[in-house]
């Protein structure tokens, strides 16, 4: 099975989906560690929708948080990526 990084998969998704459609599986890696395996589905396989595990009232009651200062999302993301 071929290995592909998650970044490369994201950049060339259509190309890799065609590879899987043709019957070849893929290992997806992140930081050189395998995190997922993409396999072709069988013709009689049907995706199923899972019912919610909690009632909608739980989601409606969620409240956001207020930060004490402004946060630059791009700066925070780049800092996080540098630490990895």
N, C-alpha and C. Protein backbone atom coordinates (compact mmCIF):
# COMPACT_ATOMS: atom_id res chain seq x y z
N UNK A 1 0.84 -1.18 0.00
CA UNK A 1 0.00 0.00 0.00
C UNK A 1 0.88 1.24 0.00
N UNK A 2 0.46 2.24 -0.72
CA UNK A 2 1.20 3.48 -0.85
C UNK A 2 1.00 4.36 0.40
N UNK A 3 2.01 5.14 0.77
CA UNK A 3 1.93 6.07 1.89
C UNK A 3 1.83 7.50 1.35
N UNK A 4 1.01 8.31 2.01
CA UNK A 4 0.86 9.70 1.61
C UNK A 4 0.71 10.55 2.87
N UNK A 5 1.38 11.70 2.90
CA UNK A 5 1.26 12.59 4.06
C UNK A 5 -0.11 13.27 4.03
N UNK A 6 -0.58 13.66 5.19
CA UNK A 6 -1.89 14.31 5.26
C UNK A 6 -1.89 15.62 4.47
N UNK A 7 -0.76 16.33 4.47
CA UNK A 7 -0.68 17.58 3.71
C UNK A 7 -0.77 17.32 2.22
N UNK A 8 -0.07 16.28 1.74
CA UNK A 8 -0.11 15.93 0.33
C UNK A 8 -1.50 15.43 -0.07
N UNK A 9 -2.13 14.66 0.82
CA UNK A 9 -3.49 14.18 0.56
C UNK A 9 -4.45 15.35 0.42
N UNK A 10 -4.31 16.33 1.30
CA UNK A 10 -5.17 17.50 1.26
C UNK A 10 -4.97 18.29 -0.04
N UNK A 11 -3.71 18.41 -0.46
CA UNK A 11 -3.40 19.19 -1.66
C UNK A 11 -3.85 18.49 -2.94
N UNK A 12 -3.88 17.15 -2.95
CA UNK A 12 -4.19 16.39 -4.16
C UNK A 12 -5.28 15.36 -3.90
N UNK A 13 -6.31 15.75 -3.19
CA UNK A 13 -7.34 14.81 -2.76
C UNK A 13 -7.99 14.07 -3.92
N UNK A 14 -8.38 14.76 -4.96
CA UNK A 14 -9.03 14.12 -6.10
C UNK A 14 -8.17 13.04 -6.73
N UNK A 15 -6.89 13.34 -6.87
CA UNK A 15 -5.95 12.38 -7.44
C UNK A 15 -5.86 11.11 -6.59
N UNK A 16 -5.77 11.27 -5.27
CA UNK A 16 -5.66 10.11 -4.39
C UNK A 16 -6.99 9.35 -4.29
N UNK A 17 -8.11 10.05 -4.38
CA UNK A 17 -9.39 9.35 -4.38
C UNK A 17 -9.53 8.46 -5.62
N UNK A 18 -9.00 8.92 -6.75
CA UNK A 18 -9.03 8.08 -7.95
C UNK A 18 -8.18 6.83 -7.76
N UNK A 19 -7.03 6.97 -7.08
CA UNK A 19 -6.17 5.82 -6.80
C UNK A 19 -6.93 4.80 -5.96
N UNK A 20 -7.65 5.28 -4.94
CA UNK A 20 -8.42 4.38 -4.07
C UNK A 20 -9.58 3.78 -4.85
N UNK A 21 -10.22 4.58 -5.68
CA UNK A 21 -11.34 4.09 -6.50
C UNK A 21 -10.90 2.95 -7.42
N UNK A 22 -9.66 3.02 -7.88
CA UNK A 22 -9.13 1.98 -8.77
C UNK A 22 -8.76 0.71 -8.01
N UNK A 23 -8.92 0.72 -6.69
CA UNK A 23 -8.72 -0.51 -5.91
C UNK A 23 -7.48 -0.55 -5.03
N UNK A 24 -6.68 0.50 -5.05
CA UNK A 24 -5.48 0.51 -4.23
C UNK A 24 -5.75 1.25 -2.92
N UNK A 25 -5.25 0.73 -1.80
CA UNK A 25 -5.40 1.40 -0.52
C UNK A 25 -4.27 2.38 -0.28
N UNK A 26 -4.47 3.28 0.65
CA UNK A 26 -3.46 4.28 1.02
C UNK A 26 -3.31 4.34 2.52
N UNK A 27 -2.08 4.49 2.98
CA UNK A 27 -1.82 4.82 4.37
C UNK A 27 -1.62 6.33 4.44
N UNK A 28 -2.31 7.00 5.34
CA UNK A 28 -2.18 8.44 5.52
C UNK A 28 -1.29 8.66 6.74
N UNK A 29 -0.27 9.50 6.56
CA UNK A 29 0.68 9.75 7.65
C UNK A 29 0.64 11.20 8.09
N UNK A 30 1.01 11.41 9.34
CA UNK A 30 1.18 12.75 9.90
C UNK A 30 2.44 12.71 10.75
N UNK A 31 3.39 13.55 10.42
CA UNK A 31 4.68 13.56 11.11
C UNK A 31 5.33 12.18 11.06
N UNK A 32 5.24 11.55 9.88
CA UNK A 32 5.83 10.24 9.58
C UNK A 32 5.20 9.07 10.35
N UNK A 33 4.08 9.28 11.00
CA UNK A 33 3.38 8.21 11.71
C UNK A 33 2.05 7.95 11.01
N UNK A 34 1.73 6.68 10.81
CA UNK A 34 0.46 6.33 10.16
C UNK A 34 -0.71 6.69 11.08
N UNK A 35 -1.67 7.44 10.52
CA UNK A 35 -2.83 7.85 11.31
C UNK A 35 -4.14 7.32 10.74
N UNK A 36 -4.12 6.88 9.48
CA UNK A 36 -5.36 6.39 8.86
C UNK A 36 -5.02 5.50 7.68
N UNK A 37 -6.03 4.74 7.26
CA UNK A 37 -5.90 3.88 6.10
C UNK A 37 -7.14 4.09 5.24
N UNK A 38 -6.94 4.42 3.98
CA UNK A 38 -8.05 4.59 3.04
C UNK A 38 -8.14 3.35 2.18
N UNK A 39 -9.30 2.73 2.17
CA UNK A 39 -9.53 1.52 1.40
C UNK A 39 -10.71 1.71 0.48
N UNK A 40 -10.70 1.08 -0.69
CA UNK A 40 -11.86 1.19 -1.57
C UNK A 40 -13.06 0.51 -0.92
N UNK A 41 -14.23 1.05 -1.17
CA UNK A 41 -15.44 0.43 -0.62
C UNK A 41 -15.94 -0.64 -1.59
N UNK A 42 -16.66 -1.57 -1.04
CA UNK A 42 -17.24 -2.61 -1.90
C UNK A 42 -18.53 -2.07 -2.51
N UNK A 43 -18.93 -2.61 -3.66
CA UNK A 43 -20.13 -2.08 -4.34
C UNK A 43 -21.40 -2.14 -3.51
N UNK A 44 -21.52 -3.13 -2.61
CA UNK A 44 -22.75 -3.26 -1.83
C UNK A 44 -22.66 -2.56 -0.47
N UNK A 45 -21.57 -1.84 -0.23
CA UNK A 45 -21.40 -1.13 1.04
C UNK A 45 -22.24 0.15 1.02
N UNK A 46 -22.97 0.39 2.09
CA UNK A 46 -23.82 1.58 2.19
C UNK A 46 -23.44 2.35 3.45
N UNK A 47 -23.25 3.65 3.30
CA UNK A 47 -22.94 4.48 4.47
C UNK A 47 -24.20 4.62 5.32
N UNK A 48 -24.02 4.62 6.62
CA UNK A 48 -25.17 4.78 7.50
C UNK A 48 -25.04 6.06 8.32
N UNK A 49 -26.14 6.64 8.63
CA UNK A 49 -26.17 7.85 9.43
C UNK A 49 -26.47 7.44 10.87
N UNK A 50 -25.62 7.88 11.77
CA UNK A 50 -25.79 7.55 13.18
C UNK A 50 -26.75 8.55 13.83
N UNK A 51 -27.66 8.09 14.65
CA UNK A 51 -28.54 9.03 15.36
C UNK A 51 -27.72 9.81 16.40
N UNK A 52 -28.17 11.00 16.77
CA UNK A 52 -27.44 11.77 17.77
C UNK A 52 -27.39 11.04 19.11
N UNK A 53 -26.28 11.23 19.83
CA UNK A 53 -26.14 10.56 21.13
C UNK A 53 -26.71 11.42 22.26
N UNK A 54 -26.91 12.70 22.01
CA UNK A 54 -27.47 13.61 23.02
C UNK A 54 -28.63 14.40 22.41
N UNK A 55 -29.56 14.84 23.22
CA UNK A 55 -30.66 15.65 22.69
C UNK A 55 -30.16 17.03 22.25
N UNK A 56 -30.88 17.65 21.33
CA UNK A 56 -30.49 18.97 20.81
C UNK A 56 -30.47 20.03 21.90
N UNK A 57 -31.25 19.85 22.96
CA UNK A 57 -31.28 20.84 24.04
C UNK A 57 -29.90 21.01 24.68
N UNK A 58 -29.09 19.96 24.70
CA UNK A 58 -27.74 20.05 25.26
C UNK A 58 -26.91 21.01 24.41
N UNK A 59 -27.03 20.93 23.11
CA UNK A 59 -26.27 21.79 22.21
C UNK A 59 -26.76 23.23 22.32
N UNK A 60 -28.06 23.42 22.41
CA UNK A 60 -28.61 24.77 22.49
C UNK A 60 -28.18 25.48 23.77
N UNK A 61 -27.88 24.72 24.83
CA UNK A 61 -27.50 25.32 26.10
C UNK A 61 -26.00 25.66 26.19
N UNK A 62 -25.23 25.32 25.18
CA UNK A 62 -23.79 25.61 25.21
C UNK A 62 -23.57 27.12 25.11
N UNK A 63 -22.66 27.60 25.88
CA UNK A 63 -22.33 29.03 25.88
C UNK A 63 -20.88 29.20 25.44
N UNK A 64 -20.60 30.27 24.77
CA UNK A 64 -19.24 30.59 24.38
C UNK A 64 -18.46 31.13 25.57
N UNK A 65 -17.16 31.27 25.38
CA UNK A 65 -16.34 31.86 26.45
C UNK A 65 -15.85 33.22 26.01
N UNK A 66 -15.62 34.08 26.97
CA UNK A 66 -15.07 35.41 26.69
C UNK A 66 -13.60 35.41 27.09
N UNK A 67 -12.77 35.86 26.15
CA UNK A 67 -11.34 35.91 26.43
C UNK A 67 -11.00 37.24 27.10
N UNK A 68 -9.98 37.22 27.94
CA UNK A 68 -9.60 38.43 28.64
C UNK A 68 -8.88 39.42 27.72
N UNK A 69 -8.31 38.92 26.62
CA UNK A 69 -7.65 39.80 25.65
C UNK A 69 -7.86 39.24 24.25
N UNK A 70 -7.61 40.07 23.26
CA UNK A 70 -7.77 39.64 21.87
C UNK A 70 -6.71 38.60 21.52
N UNK A 71 -7.07 37.68 20.65
CA UNK A 71 -6.14 36.63 20.22
C UNK A 71 -6.03 36.69 18.71
N UNK A 72 -4.79 36.70 18.22
CA UNK A 72 -4.54 36.65 16.78
C UNK A 72 -4.49 35.18 16.39
N UNK A 73 -5.51 34.70 15.70
CA UNK A 73 -5.62 33.28 15.35
C UNK A 73 -4.46 32.78 14.51
N UNK A 74 -4.02 33.58 13.54
CA UNK A 74 -2.91 33.16 12.68
C UNK A 74 -1.64 33.02 13.49
N UNK A 75 -1.38 33.99 14.36
CA UNK A 75 -0.18 33.95 15.21
C UNK A 75 -0.22 32.73 16.13
N UNK A 76 -1.37 32.44 16.71
CA UNK A 76 -1.50 31.28 17.60
C UNK A 76 -1.28 29.98 16.82
N UNK A 77 -1.81 29.89 15.60
CA UNK A 77 -1.63 28.70 14.78
C UNK A 77 -0.16 28.50 14.41
N UNK A 78 0.50 29.57 14.00
CA UNK A 78 1.92 29.46 13.63
C UNK A 78 2.77 29.08 14.84
N UNK A 79 2.48 29.64 16.00
CA UNK A 79 3.20 29.26 17.23
C UNK A 79 3.02 27.78 17.52
N UNK A 80 1.79 27.30 17.37
CA UNK A 80 1.52 25.88 17.64
C UNK A 80 2.30 24.99 16.66
N UNK A 81 2.32 25.39 15.40
CA UNK A 81 3.04 24.59 14.40
C UNK A 81 4.55 24.59 14.65
N UNK A 82 5.09 25.70 15.12
CA UNK A 82 6.53 25.76 15.42
C UNK A 82 6.89 24.83 16.58
N UNK A 83 5.97 24.68 17.53
CA UNK A 83 6.24 23.81 18.69
C UNK A 83 6.24 22.34 18.32
N UNK A 84 5.59 21.97 17.23
CA UNK A 84 5.49 20.54 16.85
C UNK A 84 6.72 20.07 16.19
